[in-house]
């Protein structure tokens, strides 16, 4: 009897954890709301600067370096994967589909930060 009760409680807690994780991702900017711009630095593989407005009107920013790939390109199927807080900062991490072109593999990863 106690074993079944404990198993039920653990299963409920696991499901609740998954629900909260999905709700947390809702604070991340939608990929369709993120804009990108080449960061203007000189040289090869300069990177991109990403910006978005959050639902609360606050600015989110992110940056990639050492790549000429704009991860907002549809071929990367970018999506929010995790969210965390560090003090007053909220950090959303995005990932997507790795793309192979010749011998080069580009795996998208983007962190957007709200301060």
C-alpha atoms as a PDB file:
ATOM      1  CA  UNK A   1       0.000   0.000   0.000  1.00  0.00           C
ATOM      2  CA  UNK A   2       2.720   2.466   0.969  1.00  0.00           C
ATOM      3  CA  UNK A   3       4.766   1.516  -2.096  1.00  0.00           C
ATOM      4  CA  UNK A   4       1.848   2.325  -4.406  1.00  0.00           C
ATOM      5  CA  UNK A   5       1.235   5.637  -2.657  1.00  0.00           C
ATOM      6  CA  UNK A   6       4.895   6.634  -2.902  1.00  0.00           C
ATOM      7  CA  UNK A   7       4.993   5.644  -6.584  1.00  0.00           C
ATOM      8  CA  UNK A   8       1.875   7.738  -7.256  1.00  0.00           C
ATOM      9  CA  UNK A   9       3.340  10.762  -5.475  1.00  0.00           C
ATOM     10  CA  UNK A  10       6.631  10.472  -7.373  1.00  0.00           C
ATOM     11  CA  UNK A  11       4.820  10.129 -10.703  1.00  0.00           C
ATOM     12  CA  UNK A  12       2.700  13.212  -9.936  1.00  0.00           C
ATOM     13  CA  UNK A  13       5.785  15.223  -8.990  1.00  0.00           C
ATOM     14  CA  UNK A  14       7.552  14.206 -12.200  1.00  0.00           C
ATOM     15  CA  UNK A  15       4.568  15.310 -14.284  1.00  0.00           C
ATOM     16  CA  UNK A  16       4.336  18.610 -12.415  1.00  0.00           C
ATOM     17  CA  UNK A  17       8.017  19.266 -13.055  1.00  0.00           C
ATOM     18  CA  UNK A  18       7.471  18.850 -16.777  1.00  0.00           C
ATOM     19  CA  UNK A  19       4.490  21.206 -16.766  1.00  0.00           C
ATOM     20  CA  UNK A  20       6.425  23.908 -14.933  1.00  0.00           C
ATOM     21  CA  UNK A  21       9.380  23.548 -17.310  1.00  0.00           C
ATOM     22  CA  UNK A  22       7.101  24.107 -20.306  1.00  0.00           C
ATOM     23  CA  UNK A  23       5.452  27.112 -18.637  1.00  0.00           C
ATOM     24  CA  UNK A  24       8.843  28.632 -17.911  1.00  0.00           C
ATOM     25  CA  UNK A  25       9.735  28.495 -21.618  1.00  0.00           C
ATOM     26  CA  UNK A  26       6.732  30.705 -22.354  1.00  0.00           C
ATOM     27  CA  UNK A  27       8.665  33.702 -21.012  1.00  0.00           C
ATOM     28  CA  UNK A  28      11.304  33.214 -23.726  1.00  0.00           C
ATOM     29  CA  UNK A  29      10.911  35.275 -26.890  1.00  0.00           C
ATOM     30  CA  UNK A  30       9.362  33.306 -29.730  1.00  0.00           C
ATOM     31  CA  UNK A  31      11.839  32.608 -32.507  1.00  0.00           C
ATOM     32  CA  UNK A  32       9.566  34.516 -34.899  1.00  0.00           C
ATOM     33  CA  UNK A  33       9.983  37.625 -32.693  1.00  0.00           C
ATOM     34  CA  UNK A  34      13.797  37.539 -32.659  1.00  0.00           C
ATOM     35  CA  UNK A  35      15.683  39.646 -35.185  1.00  0.00           C
ATOM     36  CA  UNK A  36      19.315  39.293 -36.214  1.00  0.00           C
ATOM     37  CA  UNK A  37      21.973  41.534 -37.642  1.00  0.00           C
ATOM     38  CA  UNK A  38      25.568  40.890 -38.611  1.00  0.00           C
ATOM     39  CA  UNK A  39      27.609  42.303 -35.746  1.00  0.00           C
ATOM     40  CA  UNK A  40      29.754  44.433 -38.041  1.00  0.00           C
ATOM     41  CA  UNK A  41      33.066  43.165 -36.768  1.00  0.00           C
ATOM     42  CA  UNK A  42      35.875  42.824 -39.270  1.00  0.00           C
ATOM     43  CA  UNK A  43      37.174  39.477 -40.449  1.00  0.00           C
ATOM     44  CA  UNK A  44      35.814  36.074 -41.260  1.00  0.00           C
ATOM     45  CA  UNK A  45      33.128  34.442 -39.169  1.00  0.00           C
ATOM     46  CA  UNK A  46      32.186  37.637 -37.389  1.00  0.00           C
ATOM     47  CA  UNK A  47      28.870  36.504 -35.874  1.00  0.00           C
ATOM     48  CA  UNK A  48      25.446  38.009 -35.288  1.00  0.00           C
ATOM     49  CA  UNK A  49      23.630  40.114 -32.714  1.00  0.00           C
ATOM     50  CA  UNK A  50      20.087  39.029 -31.837  1.00  0.00           C
ATOM     51  CA  UNK A  51      17.369  41.153 -30.222  1.00  0.00           C
ATOM     52  CA  UNK A  52      13.736  40.714 -29.211  1.00  0.00           C
ATOM     53  CA  UNK A  53      11.100  42.439 -27.101  1.00  0.00           C
ATOM     54  CA  UNK A  54       9.600  40.279 -24.379  1.00  0.00           C
ATOM     55  CA  UNK A  55       5.927  40.068 -23.507  1.00  0.00           C
ATOM     56  CA  UNK A  56       6.673  42.448 -20.630  1.00  0.00           C
ATOM     57  CA  UNK A  57       8.268  44.966 -23.020  1.00  0.00           C
ATOM     58  CA  UNK A  58      11.808  44.314 -21.791  1.00  0.00           C
ATOM     59  CA  UNK A  59      14.673  43.872 -24.240  1.00  0.00           C
ATOM     60  CA  UNK A  60      16.321  40.481 -24.805  1.00  0.00           C
ATOM     61  CA  UNK A  61      19.766  40.303 -26.406  1.00  0.00           C
ATOM     62  CA  UNK A  62      22.080  37.585 -27.615  1.00  0.00           C
ATOM     63  CA  UNK A  63      25.197  37.236 -29.707  1.00  0.00           C
ATOM     64  CA  UNK A  64      27.007  34.559 -31.653  1.00  0.00           C
ATOM     65  CA  UNK A  65      30.643  34.804 -32.592  1.00  0.00           C
ATOM     66  CA  UNK A  66      32.956  32.919 -34.906  1.00  0.00           C
ATOM     67  CA  UNK A  67      30.164  31.928 -37.275  1.00  0.00           C
ATOM     68  CA  UNK A  68      28.702  33.226 -40.495  1.00  0.00           C
ATOM     69  CA  UNK A  69      25.498  31.271 -39.855  1.00  0.00           C
ATOM     70  CA  UNK A  70      22.379  33.159 -38.864  1.00  0.00           C
ATOM     71  CA  UNK A  71      20.595  30.655 -36.653  1.00  0.00           C
ATOM     72  CA  UNK A  72      17.226  32.257 -37.447  1.00  0.00           C
ATOM     73  CA  UNK A  73      17.456  30.638 -40.893  1.00  0.00           C
ATOM     74  CA  UNK A  74      14.595  28.114 -41.187  1.00  0.00           C
ATOM     75  CA  UNK A  75      17.013  25.248 -41.899  1.00  0.00           C
ATOM     76  CA  UNK A  76      18.125  25.343 -38.240  1.00  0.00           C
ATOM     77  CA  UNK A  77      14.583  24.933 -36.813  1.00  0.00           C
ATOM     78  CA  UNK A  78      15.611  26.988 -33.788  1.00  0.00           C
ATOM     79  CA  UNK A  79      13.490  26.566 -30.635  1.00  0.00           C
ATOM     80  CA  UNK A  80      13.660  27.460 -26.946  1.00  0.00           C
ATOM     81  CA  UNK A  81      15.074  24.562 -24.923  1.00  0.00           C
ATOM     82  CA  UNK A  82      15.689  25.883 -21.412  1.00  0.00           C
ATOM     83  CA  UNK A  83      15.310  28.904 -19.171  1.00  0.00           C
ATOM     84  CA  UNK A  84      17.215  29.858 -16.032  1.00  0.00           C
ATOM     85  CA  UNK A  85      17.629  32.843 -13.781  1.00  0.00           C
ATOM     86  CA  UNK A  86      20.881  34.273 -12.483  1.00  0.00           C
ATOM     87  CA  UNK A  87      20.078  37.041 -10.067  1.00  0.00           C
ATOM     88  CA  UNK A  88      18.054  39.616 -11.990  1.00  0.00           C
ATOM     89  CA  UNK A  89      18.942  38.056 -15.363  1.00  0.00           C
ATOM     90  CA  UNK A  90      16.722  35.584 -17.191  1.00  0.00           C
ATOM     91  CA  UNK A  91      18.526  33.430 -19.761  1.00  0.00           C
ATOM     92  CA  UNK A  92      16.757  31.457 -22.476  1.00  0.00           C
ATOM     93  CA  UNK A  93      18.806  28.917 -24.403  1.00  0.00           C
ATOM     94  CA  UNK A  94      17.834  27.907 -27.920  1.00  0.00           C
ATOM     95  CA  UNK A  95      18.958  24.940 -29.990  1.00  0.00           C
ATOM     96  CA  UNK A  96      17.931  23.318 -33.225  1.00  0.00           C
ATOM     97  CA  UNK A  97      18.891  21.101 -36.113  1.00  0.00           C
ATOM     98  CA  UNK A  98      22.554  20.601 -36.970  1.00  0.00           C
ATOM     99  CA  UNK A  99      23.218  21.409 -40.629  1.00  0.00           C
ATOM    100  CA  UNK A 100      26.012  19.767 -42.614  1.00  0.00           C
ATOM    101  CA  UNK A 101      27.435  21.570 -45.632  1.00  0.00           C
ATOM    102  CA  UNK A 102      30.389  19.714 -47.101  1.00  0.00           C
ATOM    103  CA  UNK A 103      32.686  18.820 -44.216  1.00  0.00           C
ATOM    104  CA  UNK A 104      31.412  21.618 -41.998  1.00  0.00           C
ATOM    105  CA  UNK A 105      28.690  20.955 -39.389  1.00  0.00           C
ATOM    106  CA  UNK A 106      26.879  23.900 -37.849  1.00  0.00           C
ATOM    107  CA  UNK A 107      24.916  23.163 -34.660  1.00  0.00           C
ATOM    108  CA  UNK A 108      22.791  26.138 -33.641  1.00  0.00           C
ATOM    109  CA  UNK A 109      23.010  27.435 -30.108  1.00  0.00           C
ATOM    110  CA  UNK A 110      21.823  30.837 -28.958  1.00  0.00           C
ATOM    111  CA  UNK A 111      21.418  32.371 -25.508  1.00  0.00           C
ATOM    112  CA  UNK A 112      19.057  35.300 -25.144  1.00  0.00           C
ATOM    113  CA  UNK A 113      19.408  37.345 -21.941  1.00  0.00           C
ATOM    114  CA  UNK A 114      16.883  39.662 -20.307  1.00  0.00           C
ATOM    115  CA  UNK A 115      18.266  41.935 -17.607  1.00  0.00           C
END
